[in-house]
Amino acid sequence: MMKQIVKDGLWSRNPALVQLLGLCPLLAVSNNFTTSLGLGITTLTVLTISNITVSLLRSYLDESTRIPIQILIIAGFVTLADLLLQYQYFELHQRIGLFVALIVTNCTLLGRAELFASRQPAIWAGLDGLMMGIGFLAVLLVMGSIRELLGNGTLFSELHLLIGGDDVEIRLTDARFLLAVMPPGAFLTLGCLIALKNIIDQKLKEHERRKTLPNSISP
């Protein structure tokens, strides 16, 4: 079961590339590495803790109140994360705070709480939330890195807002493709990542099919 949960979260049922959930923050925040990392870690944390909480309370929830209570649990943890982010990382919060609040409406969280966490022990629910969160974070980081590199010619711009200290921005080129950091660039980047995943999946299926074909018998 552990192997399947890891595979689903990171690849087979990746919330961003397969289920296409949480697209509003995914597309809006992924214009550089730092904002992508900040929102991704926040989403991962809330998703994992919410899953564990829902799993622990599952025996106390009936059919009529389960979903509203799950929404309240998610909203509570999102509010705590938003307040912590505002207190500890105020400048970063100024950039992504609106989208942190929108985590409440991210169907990934409610979907995993309802379809998995409410039916499984806490350890599996927590692992599911962690893997789904890592899968979402990975897509955010890849998109943020690509868009920042193409649009600004840099990597890790403003990372000091998250880790403190001096700015560690790396300038790789002076060429700028501004479309990459605009909304159309977000859709194009996500579309390319989805297409790449589909190509890889198709290649893997063809490889597995060849392995299962019986060896031809020479006459």
N, C-alpha and C. Protein backbone atom coordinates (compact mmCIF):
# COMPACT_ATOMS: atom_id res chain seq x y z
N MET A 1 0.83 -1.21 0.00
CA MET A 1 0.00 0.00 0.00
C MET A 1 0.87 1.26 0.00
N MET A 2 1.97 1.21 0.74
CA MET A 2 2.85 2.37 0.78
C MET A 2 3.37 2.72 -0.61
N LYS A 3 3.79 1.71 -1.35
CA LYS A 3 4.32 1.95 -2.70
C LYS A 3 3.28 2.59 -3.60
N GLN A 4 2.03 2.14 -3.49
CA GLN A 4 0.97 2.69 -4.32
C GLN A 4 0.66 4.13 -3.95
N ILE A 5 0.66 4.44 -2.65
CA ILE A 5 0.41 5.82 -2.20
C ILE A 5 1.49 6.76 -2.72
N VAL A 6 2.74 6.31 -2.63
CA VAL A 6 3.85 7.14 -3.11
C VAL A 6 3.74 7.35 -4.62
N LYS A 7 3.46 6.28 -5.35
CA LYS A 7 3.35 6.36 -6.81
C LYS A 7 2.19 7.27 -7.22
N ASP A 8 1.05 7.14 -6.54
CA ASP A 8 -0.11 7.97 -6.88
C ASP A 8 0.18 9.45 -6.65
N GLY A 9 0.77 9.77 -5.50
CA GLY A 9 1.00 11.17 -5.17
C GLY A 9 2.03 11.84 -6.04
N LEU A 10 3.10 11.12 -6.34
CA LEU A 10 4.19 11.72 -7.09
C LEU A 10 4.00 11.66 -8.60
N TRP A 11 3.24 10.66 -9.08
CA TRP A 11 3.17 10.50 -10.53
C TRP A 11 1.77 10.14 -11.05
N SER A 12 1.27 8.95 -10.71
CA SER A 12 0.07 8.43 -11.37
C SER A 12 -1.16 9.31 -11.18
N ARG A 13 -1.31 9.88 -9.98
CA ARG A 13 -2.47 10.74 -9.70
C ARG A 13 -2.00 12.10 -9.17
N ASN A 14 -0.92 12.57 -9.73
CA ASN A 14 -0.38 13.87 -9.32
C ASN A 14 -1.48 14.93 -9.39
N PRO A 15 -1.71 15.67 -8.29
CA PRO A 15 -2.83 16.61 -8.27
C PRO A 15 -2.76 17.71 -9.32
N ALA A 16 -1.56 18.09 -9.73
CA ALA A 16 -1.41 19.18 -10.70
C ALA A 16 -1.40 18.67 -12.14
N LEU A 17 -0.69 17.59 -12.40
CA LEU A 17 -0.50 17.13 -13.78
C LEU A 17 -1.58 16.17 -14.25
N VAL A 18 -2.21 15.45 -13.34
CA VAL A 18 -3.21 14.44 -13.72
C VAL A 18 -4.61 14.89 -13.34
N GLN A 19 -4.81 15.24 -12.07
CA GLN A 19 -6.14 15.64 -11.61
C GLN A 19 -6.45 17.10 -11.93
N LEU A 20 -5.42 17.88 -12.25
CA LEU A 20 -5.58 19.30 -12.61
C LEU A 20 -6.35 20.06 -11.53
N LEU A 21 -5.94 19.86 -10.29
CA LEU A 21 -6.57 20.53 -9.15
C LEU A 21 -5.65 21.63 -8.63
N GLY A 22 -6.24 22.64 -8.02
CA GLY A 22 -5.45 23.73 -7.46
C GLY A 22 -4.78 24.59 -8.51
N LEU A 23 -5.42 24.72 -9.68
CA LEU A 23 -4.77 25.44 -10.78
C LEU A 23 -4.67 26.94 -10.53
N CYS A 24 -5.59 27.51 -9.77
CA CYS A 24 -5.55 28.96 -9.54
C CYS A 24 -4.23 29.39 -8.89
N PRO A 25 -3.87 28.86 -7.73
CA PRO A 25 -2.57 29.23 -7.15
C PRO A 25 -1.40 28.69 -7.96
N LEU A 26 -1.57 27.51 -8.55
CA LEU A 26 -0.49 26.91 -9.32
C LEU A 26 -0.06 27.83 -10.46
N LEU A 27 -1.02 28.38 -11.17
CA LEU A 27 -0.71 29.23 -12.32
C LEU A 27 -0.31 30.64 -11.90
N ALA A 28 -0.91 31.13 -10.82
CA ALA A 28 -0.69 32.53 -10.43
C ALA A 28 0.63 32.74 -9.70
N VAL A 29 1.05 31.77 -8.90
CA VAL A 29 2.21 31.96 -8.01
C VAL A 29 3.50 31.44 -8.62
N SER A 30 3.41 30.60 -9.63
CA SER A 30 4.60 29.90 -10.13
C SER A 30 5.44 30.73 -11.09
N ASN A 31 5.52 32.05 -10.87
CA ASN A 31 6.34 32.88 -11.77
C ASN A 31 7.80 32.96 -11.32
N ASN A 32 8.11 32.45 -10.12
CA ASN A 32 9.51 32.29 -9.73
C ASN A 32 9.65 31.18 -8.69
N PHE A 33 10.87 30.80 -8.43
CA PHE A 33 11.15 29.66 -7.56
C PHE A 33 10.70 29.92 -6.12
N THR A 34 10.95 31.12 -5.62
CA THR A 34 10.70 31.41 -4.20
C THR A 34 9.22 31.36 -3.86
N THR A 35 8.38 32.04 -4.64
CA THR A 35 6.95 32.02 -4.35
C THR A 35 6.38 30.61 -4.53
N SER A 36 6.91 29.87 -5.50
CA SER A 36 6.47 28.49 -5.69
C SER A 36 6.81 27.63 -4.48
N LEU A 37 8.02 27.81 -3.96
CA LEU A 37 8.45 27.04 -2.79
C LEU A 37 7.61 27.40 -1.57
N GLY A 38 7.35 28.68 -1.37
CA GLY A 38 6.56 29.11 -0.22
C GLY A 38 5.16 28.55 -0.23
N LEU A 39 4.47 28.67 -1.36
CA LEU A 39 3.10 28.16 -1.44
C LEU A 39 3.08 26.64 -1.42
N GLY A 40 4.06 26.01 -2.05
CA GLY A 40 4.10 24.55 -2.09
C GLY A 40 4.30 23.94 -0.71
N ILE A 41 5.21 24.50 0.07
CA ILE A 41 5.43 24.00 1.43
C ILE A 41 4.20 24.21 2.30
N THR A 42 3.56 25.36 2.15
CA THR A 42 2.35 25.64 2.92
C THR A 42 1.25 24.65 2.58
N THR A 43 1.04 24.41 1.30
CA THR A 43 0.01 23.46 0.86
C THR A 43 0.32 22.05 1.35
N LEU A 44 1.58 21.64 1.23
CA LEU A 44 1.99 20.31 1.69
C LEU A 44 1.71 20.13 3.18
N THR A 45 2.06 21.13 3.97
CA THR A 45 1.88 21.04 5.42
C THR A 45 0.41 20.95 5.79
N VAL A 46 -0.40 21.83 5.21
CA VAL A 46 -1.83 21.83 5.52
C VAL A 46 -2.47 20.53 5.07
N LEU A 47 -2.11 20.04 3.90
CA LEU A 47 -2.68 18.81 3.37
C LEU A 47 -2.36 17.62 4.27
N THR A 48 -1.12 17.52 4.72
CA THR A 48 -0.71 16.39 5.56
C THR A 48 -1.41 16.44 6.92
N ILE A 49 -1.39 17.60 7.57
CA ILE A 49 -2.00 17.72 8.89
C ILE A 49 -3.51 17.54 8.81
N SER A 50 -4.14 18.07 7.78
CA SER A 50 -5.59 17.92 7.62
C SER A 50 -5.97 16.46 7.43
N ASN A 51 -5.21 15.74 6.61
CA ASN A 51 -5.48 14.33 6.39
C ASN A 51 -5.39 13.54 7.70
N ILE A 52 -4.35 13.79 8.47
CA ILE A 52 -4.18 13.07 9.74
C ILE A 52 -5.33 13.39 10.68
N THR A 53 -5.72 14.65 10.77
CA THR A 53 -6.80 15.05 11.67
C THR A 53 -8.12 14.42 11.27
N VAL A 54 -8.43 14.45 9.98
CA VAL A 54 -9.68 13.85 9.49
C VAL A 54 -9.69 12.36 9.77
N SER A 55 -8.56 11.70 9.58
CA SER A 55 -8.49 10.27 9.84
C SER A 55 -8.72 9.95 11.32
N LEU A 56 -8.12 10.74 12.20
CA LEU A 56 -8.29 10.51 13.64
C LEU A 56 -9.72 10.74 14.10
N LEU A 57 -10.43 11.63 13.42
CA LEU A 57 -11.80 11.96 13.82
C LEU A 57 -12.85 11.18 13.03
N ARG A 58 -12.44 10.30 12.12
CA ARG A 58 -13.39 9.69 11.20
C ARG A 58 -14.49 8.90 11.88
N SER A 59 -14.18 8.29 13.02
CA SER A 59 -15.20 7.48 13.71
C SER A 59 -16.24 8.34 14.42
N TYR A 60 -15.97 9.64 14.56
CA TYR A 60 -16.91 10.53 15.24
C TYR A 60 -17.78 11.32 14.26
N LEU A 61 -17.54 11.16 12.97
CA LEU A 61 -18.26 11.94 11.97
C LEU A 61 -19.28 11.07 11.26
N ASP A 62 -20.51 11.58 11.11
CA ASP A 62 -21.51 10.84 10.36
C ASP A 62 -21.64 11.42 8.95
N GLU A 63 -22.47 10.79 8.14
CA GLU A 63 -22.58 11.16 6.74
C GLU A 63 -23.03 12.61 6.54
N SER A 64 -23.92 13.08 7.39
CA SER A 64 -24.52 14.40 7.18
C SER A 64 -23.58 15.55 7.55
N THR A 65 -22.63 15.29 8.43
CA THR A 65 -21.76 16.37 8.90
C THR A 65 -20.30 16.22 8.47
N ARG A 66 -19.97 15.11 7.82
CA ARG A 66 -18.57 14.81 7.54
C ARG A 66 -17.90 15.87 6.66
N ILE A 67 -18.51 16.19 5.54
CA ILE A 67 -17.88 17.14 4.61
C ILE A 67 -17.80 18.55 5.20
N PRO A 68 -18.87 19.09 5.80
CA PRO A 68 -18.72 20.42 6.42
C PRO A 68 -17.63 20.48 7.48
N ILE A 69 -17.50 19.43 8.29
CA ILE A 69 -16.46 19.42 9.32
C ILE A 69 -15.07 19.32 8.68
N GLN A 70 -14.96 18.54 7.61
CA GLN A 70 -13.68 18.47 6.91
C GLN A 70 -13.27 19.84 6.37
N ILE A 71 -14.23 20.57 5.83
CA ILE A 71 -13.95 21.92 5.33
C ILE A 71 -13.50 22.83 6.46
N LEU A 72 -14.16 22.72 7.61
CA LEU A 72 -13.77 23.53 8.77
C LEU A 72 -12.36 23.18 9.25
N ILE A 73 -12.04 21.91 9.25
CA ILE A 73 -10.69 21.48 9.66
C ILE A 73 -9.65 22.08 8.72
N ILE A 74 -9.89 21.95 7.42
CA ILE A 74 -8.95 22.50 6.43
C ILE A 74 -8.84 24.00 6.58
N ALA A 75 -9.99 24.68 6.72
CA ALA A 75 -9.98 26.14 6.86
C ALA A 75 -9.23 26.58 8.12
N GLY A 76 -9.37 25.82 9.19
CA GLY A 76 -8.67 26.15 10.42
C GLY A 76 -7.16 26.07 10.26
N PHE A 77 -6.69 25.00 9.63
CA PHE A 77 -5.24 24.86 9.44
C PHE A 77 -4.70 25.87 8.43
N VAL A 78 -5.50 26.19 7.42
CA VAL A 78 -5.07 27.22 6.46
C VAL A 78 -4.95 28.57 7.15
N THR A 79 -5.89 28.89 8.02
CA THR A 79 -5.83 30.15 8.77
C THR A 79 -4.59 30.21 9.64
N LEU A 80 -4.29 29.11 10.33
CA LEU A 80 -3.07 29.07 11.15
C LEU A 80 -1.82 29.25 10.29
N ALA A 81 -1.79 28.58 9.14
CA ALA A 81 -0.64 28.71 8.25
C ALA A 81 -0.50 30.14 7.74
N ASP A 82 -1.63 30.76 7.42
CA ASP A 82 -1.61 32.13 6.91
C ASP A 82 -1.09 33.10 7.98
N LEU A 83 -1.55 32.93 9.21
CA LEU A 83 -1.10 33.80 10.30
C LEU A 83 0.39 33.59 10.59
N LEU A 84 0.83 32.33 10.57
CA LEU A 84 2.25 32.05 10.81
C LEU A 84 3.11 32.64 9.70
N LEU A 85 2.66 32.49 8.47
CA LEU A 85 3.40 33.04 7.34
C LEU A 85 3.47 34.56 7.43
N GLN A 86 2.36 35.18 7.82
CA GLN A 86 2.33 36.64 7.93
C GLN A 86 3.24 37.12 9.05
N TYR A 87 3.32 36.35 10.12
CA TYR A 87 4.15 36.74 11.27
C TYR A 87 5.63 36.52 10.99
N GLN A 88 5.96 35.37 10.41
CA GLN A 88 7.36 34.98 10.27
C GLN A 88 7.99 35.44 8.94
N TYR A 89 7.17 35.47 7.89
CA TYR A 89 7.70 35.80 6.56
C TYR A 89 6.80 36.85 5.91
N PHE A 90 6.79 38.03 6.50
CA PHE A 90 5.82 39.05 6.10
C PHE A 90 5.97 39.45 4.63
N GLU A 91 7.20 39.67 4.18
CA GLU A 91 7.40 40.10 2.79
C GLU A 91 6.96 39.03 1.80
N LEU A 92 7.24 37.77 2.12
CA LEU A 92 6.77 36.69 1.27
C LEU A 92 5.25 36.61 1.30
N HIS A 93 4.68 36.83 2.48
CA HIS A 93 3.23 36.82 2.61
C HIS A 93 2.59 37.89 1.74
N GLN A 94 3.26 39.03 1.58
CA GLN A 94 2.74 40.09 0.73
C GLN A 94 2.59 39.63 -0.71
N ARG A 95 3.40 38.66 -1.11
CA ARG A 95 3.37 38.17 -2.49
C ARG A 95 2.41 37.01 -2.70
N ILE A 96 2.27 36.15 -1.70
CA ILE A 96 1.46 34.94 -1.91
C ILE A 96 0.30 34.82 -0.94
N GLY A 97 0.11 35.82 -0.05
CA GLY A 97 -0.90 35.71 0.99
C GLY A 97 -2.30 35.44 0.47
N LEU A 98 -2.68 36.10 -0.63
CA LEU A 98 -4.01 35.89 -1.19
C LEU A 98 -4.22 34.44 -1.58
N PHE A 99 -3.19 33.82 -2.12
CA PHE A 99 -3.32 32.46 -2.62
C PHE A 99 -3.18 31.43 -1.50
N VAL A 100 -2.57 31.81 -0.39
CA VAL A 100 -2.56 30.93 0.78
C VAL A 100 -3.99 30.75 1.29
N ALA A 101 -4.74 31.85 1.35
CA ALA A 101 -6.14 31.76 1.78
C ALA A 101 -6.96 30.88 0.85
N LEU A 102 -6.61 30.88 -0.43
CA LEU A 102 -7.36 30.09 -1.41
C LEU A 102 -7.06 28.59 -1.31
N ILE A 103 -6.10 28.21 -0.47
CA ILE A 103 -5.85 26.78 -0.27
C ILE A 103 -7.11 26.08 0.24
N VAL A 104 -7.93 26.83 0.97
CA VAL A 104 -9.19 26.26 1.49
C VAL A 104 -10.04 25.71 0.35
N THR A 105 -10.02 26.39 -0.79
CA THR A 105 -10.86 25.98 -1.92
C THR A 105 -10.15 25.01 -2.85
N ASN A 106 -8.92 24.63 -2.53
CA ASN A 106 -8.18 23.68 -3.35
C ASN A 106 -8.83 22.31 -3.22
N CYS A 107 -9.36 21.81 -4.31
CA CYS A 107 -10.09 20.54 -4.27
C CYS A 107 -9.20 19.36 -3.92
N THR A 108 -7.90 19.52 -4.04
CA THR A 108 -6.99 18.44 -3.65
C THR A 108 -7.17 18.10 -2.18
N LEU A 109 -7.25 19.12 -1.33
CA LEU A 109 -7.34 18.89 0.11
C LEU A 109 -8.65 18.22 0.49
N LEU A 110 -9.77 18.77 0.01
CA LEU A 110 -11.06 18.18 0.35
C LEU A 110 -11.20 16.80 -0.29
N GLY A 111 -10.69 16.66 -1.50
CA GLY A 111 -10.78 15.37 -2.18
C GLY A 111 -10.03 14.28 -1.43
N ARG A 112 -8.81 14.56 -0.98
CA ARG A 112 -8.05 13.55 -0.25
C ARG A 112 -8.65 13.28 1.12
N ALA A 113 -9.18 14.33 1.75
CA ALA A 113 -9.82 14.14 3.06
C ALA A 113 -11.04 13.24 2.94
N GLU A 114 -11.85 13.48 1.92
CA GLU A 114 -13.10 12.73 1.77
C GLU A 114 -12.86 11.33 1.20
N LEU A 115 -12.05 11.23 0.17
CA LEU A 115 -11.91 9.96 -0.54
C LEU A 115 -10.90 9.02 0.11
N PHE A 116 -9.96 9.56 0.88
CA PHE A 116 -8.92 8.69 1.44
C PHE A 116 -8.82 8.78 2.95
N ALA A 117 -8.57 9.98 3.47
CA ALA A 117 -8.30 10.12 4.91
C ALA A 117 -9.46 9.67 5.78
N SER A 118 -10.70 9.91 5.33
CA SER A 118 -11.86 9.54 6.14
C SER A 118 -12.11 8.04 6.14
N ARG A 119 -11.32 7.28 5.38
CA ARG A 119 -11.52 5.84 5.29
C ARG A 119 -10.28 5.03 5.67
N GLN A 120 -9.20 5.71 6.04
CA GLN A 120 -7.94 5.02 6.29
C GLN A 120 -7.36 5.41 7.64
N PRO A 121 -6.47 4.56 8.22
CA PRO A 121 -5.78 4.92 9.46
C PRO A 121 -4.92 6.16 9.27
N ALA A 122 -4.59 6.79 10.38
CA ALA A 122 -3.88 8.07 10.33
C ALA A 122 -2.52 7.97 9.63
N ILE A 123 -1.82 6.85 9.82
CA ILE A 123 -0.49 6.74 9.22
C ILE A 123 -0.55 6.76 7.70
N TRP A 124 -1.57 6.05 7.13
CA TRP A 124 -1.71 6.06 5.67
C TRP A 124 -2.27 7.39 5.19
N ALA A 125 -3.16 7.98 5.96
CA ALA A 125 -3.71 9.28 5.59
C ALA A 125 -2.62 10.35 5.57
N GLY A 126 -1.74 10.30 6.58
CA GLY A 126 -0.64 11.26 6.62
C GLY A 126 0.32 11.07 5.46
N LEU A 127 0.62 9.80 5.14
CA LEU A 127 1.52 9.53 4.01
C LEU A 127 0.90 9.98 2.70
N ASP A 128 -0.40 9.76 2.55
CA ASP A 128 -1.10 10.20 1.34
C ASP A 128 -1.03 11.71 1.20
N GLY A 129 -1.30 12.43 2.29
CA GLY A 129 -1.22 13.88 2.24
C GLY A 129 0.19 14.36 1.93
N LEU A 130 1.18 13.69 2.51
CA LEU A 130 2.57 14.07 2.28
C LEU A 130 2.96 13.87 0.82
N MET A 131 2.60 12.73 0.25
CA MET A 131 2.98 12.43 -1.13
C MET A 131 2.24 13.32 -2.12
N MET A 132 0.94 13.54 -1.89
CA MET A 132 0.20 14.45 -2.76
C MET A 132 0.76 15.87 -2.67
N GLY A 133 1.13 16.27 -1.46
CA GLY A 133 1.72 17.59 -1.27
C GLY A 133 3.07 17.73 -1.95
N ILE A 134 3.90 16.68 -1.86
CA ILE A 134 5.20 16.71 -2.52
C ILE A 134 5.03 16.74 -4.04
N GLY A 135 4.05 15.98 -4.54
CA GLY A 135 3.79 16.00 -5.97
C GLY A 135 3.38 17.38 -6.45
N PHE A 136 2.52 18.05 -5.68
CA PHE A 136 2.09 19.41 -6.02
C PHE A 136 3.26 20.38 -5.92
N LEU A 137 4.06 20.24 -4.86
CA LEU A 137 5.23 21.10 -4.67
C LEU A 137 6.23 20.93 -5.80
N ALA A 138 6.45 19.70 -6.23
CA ALA A 138 7.42 19.45 -7.30
C ALA A 138 7.02 20.15 -8.59
N VAL A 139 5.74 20.08 -8.93
CA VAL A 139 5.27 20.75 -10.15
C VAL A 139 5.41 22.26 -10.01
N LEU A 140 5.07 22.79 -8.84
CA LEU A 140 5.24 24.22 -8.59
C LEU A 140 6.70 24.65 -8.78
N LEU A 141 7.62 23.88 -8.22
CA LEU A 141 9.03 24.25 -8.30
C LEU A 141 9.56 24.17 -9.73
N VAL A 142 9.15 23.14 -10.46
CA VAL A 142 9.59 23.03 -11.86
C VAL A 142 9.04 24.19 -12.68
N MET A 143 7.74 24.48 -12.50
CA MET A 143 7.15 25.60 -13.24
C MET A 143 7.79 26.92 -12.84
N GLY A 144 7.98 27.13 -11.55
CA GLY A 144 8.58 28.37 -11.08
C GLY A 144 9.99 28.56 -11.60
N SER A 145 10.77 27.49 -11.62
CA SER A 145 12.15 27.57 -12.11
C SER A 145 12.20 27.87 -13.60
N ILE A 146 11.36 27.17 -14.37
CA ILE A 146 11.34 27.38 -15.82
C ILE A 146 10.90 28.80 -16.16
N ARG A 147 9.82 29.25 -15.53
CA ARG A 147 9.29 30.58 -15.85
C ARG A 147 10.25 31.69 -15.40
N GLU A 148 10.87 31.51 -14.24
CA GLU A 148 11.83 32.52 -13.78
C GLU A 148 13.05 32.58 -14.69
N LEU A 149 13.53 31.41 -15.09
CA LEU A 149 14.72 31.36 -15.94
C LEU A 149 14.44 31.98 -17.31
N LEU A 150 13.30 31.63 -17.90
CA LEU A 150 12.97 32.16 -19.22
C LEU A 150 12.59 33.64 -19.17
N GLY A 151 11.85 34.02 -18.13
CA GLY A 151 11.33 35.38 -18.06
C GLY A 151 12.30 36.40 -17.53
N ASN A 152 13.14 36.00 -16.58
CA ASN A 152 14.06 36.95 -15.94
C ASN A 152 15.53 36.59 -16.12
N GLY A 153 15.79 35.38 -16.56
CA GLY A 153 17.18 34.94 -16.71
C GLY A 153 17.86 34.61 -15.40
N THR A 154 17.07 34.39 -14.33
CA THR A 154 17.63 34.14 -13.01
C THR A 154 17.06 32.86 -12.41
N LEU A 155 17.67 32.42 -11.32
CA LEU A 155 17.14 31.35 -10.47
C LEU A 155 17.30 31.77 -9.01
N PHE A 156 16.36 31.36 -8.18
CA PHE A 156 16.39 31.60 -6.73
C PHE A 156 16.29 33.09 -6.39
N SER A 157 15.67 33.87 -7.25
CA SER A 157 15.47 35.29 -6.96
C SER A 157 14.59 35.45 -5.72
N GLU A 158 14.96 36.32 -4.80
CA GLU A 158 14.21 36.64 -3.58
C GLU A 158 14.12 35.46 -2.61
N LEU A 159 15.01 34.49 -2.74
CA LEU A 159 14.98 33.34 -1.83
C LEU A 159 15.25 33.75 -0.40
N HIS A 160 15.90 34.89 -0.21
CA HIS A 160 16.17 35.38 1.15
C HIS A 160 14.88 35.69 1.91
N LEU A 161 13.79 35.92 1.19
CA LEU A 161 12.50 36.16 1.86
C LEU A 161 12.04 34.93 2.63
N LEU A 162 12.51 33.77 2.23
CA LEU A 162 12.10 32.52 2.86
C LEU A 162 13.15 31.97 3.82
N ILE A 163 14.41 32.08 3.45
CA ILE A 163 15.46 31.47 4.28
C ILE A 163 16.29 32.50 5.03
N GLY A 164 16.05 33.79 4.77
CA GLY A 164 16.81 34.84 5.45
C GLY A 164 18.20 35.01 4.84
N GLY A 165 18.98 35.90 5.44
CA GLY A 165 20.33 36.14 4.96
C GLY A 165 20.35 36.98 3.69
N ASP A 166 21.47 36.90 2.99
CA ASP A 166 21.64 37.67 1.76
C ASP A 166 20.91 37.00 0.60
N ASP A 167 20.64 37.81 -0.42
CA ASP A 167 20.00 37.28 -1.62
C ASP A 167 20.96 36.33 -2.33
N VAL A 168 20.45 35.18 -2.75
CA VAL A 168 21.30 34.17 -3.41
C VAL A 168 20.93 34.03 -4.88
N GLU A 169 20.38 35.08 -5.44
CA GLU A 169 19.97 35.04 -6.84
C GLU A 169 21.13 34.66 -7.75
N ILE A 170 20.86 33.77 -8.68
CA ILE A 170 21.84 33.36 -9.69
C ILE A 170 21.37 33.85 -11.04
N ARG A 171 22.14 34.72 -11.66
CA ARG A 171 21.79 35.22 -12.99
C ARG A 171 22.50 34.37 -14.03
N LEU A 172 21.70 33.70 -14.86
CA LEU A 172 22.25 32.79 -15.85
C LEU A 172 22.31 33.41 -17.24
N THR A 173 21.44 34.37 -17.50
CA THR A 173 21.42 35.01 -18.81
C THR A 173 20.75 36.37 -18.71
N ASP A 174 21.09 37.25 -19.62
CA ASP A 174 20.45 38.56 -19.68
C ASP A 174 19.25 38.57 -20.63
N ALA A 175 19.08 37.49 -21.37
CA ALA A 175 17.94 37.40 -22.29
C ALA A 175 16.66 37.18 -21.49
N ARG A 176 15.59 37.84 -21.90
CA ARG A 176 14.32 37.73 -21.19
C ARG A 176 13.19 37.44 -22.17
N PHE A 177 12.43 36.40 -21.84
CA PHE A 177 11.24 36.06 -22.61
C PHE A 177 10.05 36.35 -21.70
N LEU A 178 9.56 37.59 -21.76
CA LEU A 178 8.60 38.08 -20.77
C LEU A 178 7.29 37.31 -20.76
N LEU A 179 6.94 36.69 -21.87
CA LEU A 179 5.70 35.91 -21.91
C LEU A 179 5.71 34.81 -20.85
N ALA A 180 6.89 34.31 -20.52
CA ALA A 180 7.00 33.20 -19.57
C ALA A 180 6.49 33.57 -18.18
N VAL A 181 6.65 34.83 -17.76
CA VAL A 181 6.22 35.22 -16.42
C VAL A 181 4.84 35.86 -16.43
N MET A 182 4.19 35.86 -17.57
CA MET A 182 2.82 36.36 -17.67
C MET A 182 1.85 35.19 -17.61
N PRO A 183 0.55 35.45 -17.37
CA PRO A 183 -0.42 34.35 -17.28
C PRO A 183 -0.40 33.37 -18.44
N PRO A 184 -0.30 33.82 -19.70
CA PRO A 184 -0.22 32.82 -20.78
C PRO A 184 0.98 31.89 -20.65
N GLY A 185 2.08 32.42 -20.12
CA GLY A 185 3.26 31.59 -19.92
C GLY A 185 3.03 30.48 -18.92
N ALA A 186 2.19 30.75 -17.92
CA ALA A 186 1.86 29.72 -16.94
C ALA A 186 1.10 28.57 -17.59
N PHE A 187 0.11 28.90 -18.43
CA PHE A 187 -0.66 27.86 -19.12
C PHE A 187 0.22 27.07 -20.08
N LEU A 188 1.09 27.77 -20.81
CA LEU A 188 1.96 27.09 -21.76
C LEU A 188 2.94 26.16 -21.04
N THR A 189 3.50 26.62 -19.93
CA THR A 189 4.45 25.79 -19.18
C THR A 189 3.76 24.56 -18.61
N LEU A 190 2.58 24.75 -18.02
CA LEU A 190 1.85 23.61 -17.48
C LEU A 190 1.47 22.64 -18.59
N GLY A 191 1.03 23.16 -19.72
CA GLY A 191 0.67 22.30 -20.84
C GLY A 191 1.85 21.47 -21.32
N CYS A 192 3.03 22.07 -21.37
CA CYS A 192 4.23 21.34 -21.79
C CYS A 192 4.59 20.24 -20.78
N LEU A 193 4.43 20.53 -19.49
CA LEU A 193 4.72 19.52 -18.47
C LEU A 193 3.74 18.36 -18.55
N ILE A 194 2.46 18.67 -18.77
CA ILE A 194 1.45 17.61 -18.91
C ILE A 194 1.75 16.76 -20.14
N ALA A 195 2.10 17.42 -21.25
CA ALA A 195 2.43 16.68 -22.47
C ALA A 195 3.65 15.79 -22.26
N LEU A 196 4.66 16.31 -21.57
CA LEU A 196 5.86 15.52 -21.29
C LEU A 196 5.53 14.30 -20.44
N LYS A 197 4.69 14.48 -19.43
CA LYS A 197 4.29 13.35 -18.59
C LYS A 197 3.55 12.30 -19.41
N ASN A 198 2.65 12.75 -20.28
CA ASN A 198 1.89 11.81 -21.11
C ASN A 198 2.80 11.04 -22.05
N ILE A 199 3.81 11.70 -22.59
CA ILE A 199 4.77 11.02 -23.47
C ILE A 199 5.54 9.96 -22.70
N ILE A 200 5.99 10.33 -21.49
CA ILE A 200 6.73 9.37 -20.66
C ILE A 200 5.84 8.18 -20.31
N ASP A 201 4.58 8.44 -19.93
CA ASP A 201 3.65 7.36 -19.61
C ASP A 201 3.45 6.43 -20.80
N GLN A 202 3.32 7.02 -21.99
CA GLN A 202 3.13 6.21 -23.20
C GLN A 202 4.34 5.34 -23.48
N LYS A 203 5.53 5.91 -23.31
CA LYS A 203 6.76 5.13 -23.51
C LYS A 203 6.86 3.98 -22.51
N LEU A 204 6.48 4.26 -21.26
CA LEU A 204 6.52 3.21 -20.24
C LEU A 204 5.53 2.09 -20.55
N LYS A 205 4.34 2.46 -21.03
CA LYS A 205 3.33 1.45 -21.39
C LYS A 205 3.82 0.59 -22.55
N GLU A 206 4.44 1.22 -23.54
CA GLU A 206 4.97 0.46 -24.67
C GLU A 206 6.08 -0.49 -24.22
N HIS A 207 6.91 -0.01 -23.30
CA HIS A 207 7.99 -0.86 -22.78
C HIS A 207 7.42 -2.06 -22.04
N GLU A 208 6.40 -1.82 -21.20
CA GLU A 208 5.78 -2.92 -20.46
C GLU A 208 5.09 -3.90 -21.40
N ARG A 209 4.47 -3.36 -22.46
CA ARG A 209 3.78 -4.23 -23.41
C ARG A 209 4.77 -5.14 -24.13
N ARG A 210 5.92 -4.60 -24.50
CA ARG A 210 6.93 -5.41 -25.16
C ARG A 210 7.46 -6.50 -24.23
N LYS A 211 7.58 -6.18 -22.95
CA LYS A 211 8.08 -7.16 -21.99
C LYS A 211 7.11 -8.32 -21.82
N THR A 212 5.80 -8.03 -21.95
CA THR A 212 4.80 -9.08 -21.73
C THR A 212 4.50 -9.89 -22.97
N LEU A 213 4.94 -9.42 -24.16
CA LEU A 213 4.70 -10.18 -25.38
C LEU A 213 5.53 -11.46 -25.37
N PRO A 214 4.95 -12.58 -25.80
CA PRO A 214 5.73 -13.83 -25.84
C PRO A 214 6.84 -13.74 -26.89
N ASN A 215 7.94 -14.37 -26.59
CA ASN A 215 9.05 -14.39 -27.55
C ASN A 215 8.64 -15.13 -28.81
N SER A 216 8.98 -14.55 -29.93
CA SER A 216 8.64 -15.19 -31.20
C SER A 216 9.45 -16.47 -31.35
N ILE A 217 8.82 -17.47 -31.88
CA ILE A 217 9.46 -18.78 -32.04
C ILE A 217 9.93 -18.92 -33.48
N SER A 218 11.17 -19.17 -33.63
CA SER A 218 11.72 -19.32 -34.99
C SER A 218 11.21 -20.61 -35.60
N PRO A 219 10.87 -20.64 -36.91
CA PRO A 219 10.40 -21.87 -37.55
C PRO A 219 11.53 -22.91 -37.65
